[in-house]
Protein backbone atom coordinates (compact mmCIF):
# COMPACT_ATOMS: atom_id res chain seq x y z
CA MET A 1 124.08 154.01 -24.81
CA PHE A 2 121.27 151.62 -25.57
CA GLU A 3 119.42 148.83 -23.83
CA GLY A 4 121.79 146.05 -22.78
CA THR A 5 124.97 148.16 -22.78
CA VAL A 6 127.14 147.62 -19.70
CA TYR A 7 127.90 151.10 -18.34
CA ARG A 8 131.66 150.54 -17.98
CA ASP A 9 131.75 149.49 -21.67
CA ARG A 10 129.64 152.44 -22.93
CA ASN A 11 132.50 154.00 -24.91
CA ASN A 12 133.76 150.75 -26.49
CA PRO A 13 132.80 149.82 -30.06
CA LYS A 14 129.42 148.10 -30.25
CA PRO A 15 128.78 144.86 -32.12
CA PRO A 16 126.98 145.43 -35.43
CA ASP A 17 123.28 144.77 -35.89
CA VAL A 18 122.22 142.81 -38.97
CA ILE A 19 119.21 144.23 -40.82
CA PHE A 20 117.68 142.05 -43.50
CA ALA A 21 116.27 143.52 -46.71
CA GLY A 22 112.64 144.58 -46.36
CA SER A 23 112.74 144.50 -42.56
CA THR A 24 112.28 147.29 -40.03
CA PHE A 25 114.95 148.17 -37.48
CA SER A 26 114.46 150.24 -34.35
CA LYS A 27 116.78 150.99 -31.43
CA THR A 28 116.38 153.48 -28.57
CA ILE A 29 119.61 155.27 -27.68
CA TRP A 30 120.71 157.74 -24.98
CA PRO A 31 123.75 160.03 -24.91
CA SER A 32 126.18 158.36 -22.46
CA ASN A 33 127.02 161.72 -20.88
CA LEU A 34 123.38 161.97 -19.72
CA VAL A 35 123.44 158.62 -17.88
CA HIS A 36 124.33 158.54 -14.19
CA PHE A 37 124.01 156.25 -11.20
CA SER A 38 121.44 157.20 -8.58
CA GLY A 39 122.29 155.60 -5.22
CA GLY A 40 120.07 155.08 -2.24
CA ARG A 41 117.60 152.38 -1.32
CA TYR A 42 116.50 151.76 -4.91
CA ALA A 43 119.82 152.36 -6.67
CA SER A 44 119.63 152.38 -10.45
CA TRP A 45 120.95 154.00 -13.62
CA MET A 46 119.05 157.14 -14.60
CA HIS A 47 118.76 158.82 -18.00
CA GLU A 48 118.50 162.62 -17.94
CA ASN A 49 116.37 164.43 -20.52
CA MET A 50 118.16 165.64 -23.61
CA PRO A 51 118.76 169.39 -23.57
CA ALA A 52 117.05 171.88 -25.85
CA GLY A 53 118.90 172.54 -29.09
CA GLU A 54 120.43 170.33 -31.77
CA ASN A 55 121.28 166.78 -30.68
CA GLY A 56 122.57 164.01 -32.90
CA VAL A 57 124.25 160.68 -33.45
CA TYR A 58 126.87 159.47 -35.94
CA LEU A 59 125.71 156.42 -37.84
CA THR A 60 127.69 153.96 -39.97
CA ILE A 61 125.87 151.48 -42.21
CA LYS A 62 127.63 148.79 -44.25
CA VAL A 63 125.88 147.87 -47.48
CA GLY A 64 127.50 145.38 -49.84
CA GLY A 65 130.91 145.95 -48.24
CA GLU A 66 130.66 149.75 -48.58
CA GLU A 67 130.44 152.00 -45.48
CA ILE A 68 127.90 154.81 -45.50
CA ARG A 69 128.48 157.36 -42.72
CA ASP A 70 126.01 160.02 -41.74
CA LYS A 71 125.00 162.23 -38.83
CA LEU A 72 121.36 162.19 -37.77
CA THR A 73 120.18 165.22 -35.83
CA VAL A 74 117.04 166.35 -34.06
CA LEU A 75 116.20 169.85 -32.85
CA ILE A 76 114.62 169.83 -29.39
CA SER A 77 112.71 172.90 -28.27
CA ILE A 78 111.02 173.71 -24.97
CA GLU A 79 107.36 174.58 -25.33
CA GLN A 80 106.34 177.65 -23.33
CA LYS A 81 102.92 177.28 -21.67
């Protein structure tokens, strides 16, 4: 999920972003399985922390009509104090 995604539509295809040559693109994303609704007086959607270990996202980029698919991963470790 990312900012502006309607929760009920979280698993539907997302509209593409257009990135112009020479520009910078940034988007914050969250795994949809770590998003939940917290009820109560100040009800809101909450994002849990990502677990330790390897986490990733599949990415598809279209360049000149060609699709480039890749998986980006990050290794999260818990620092012992």
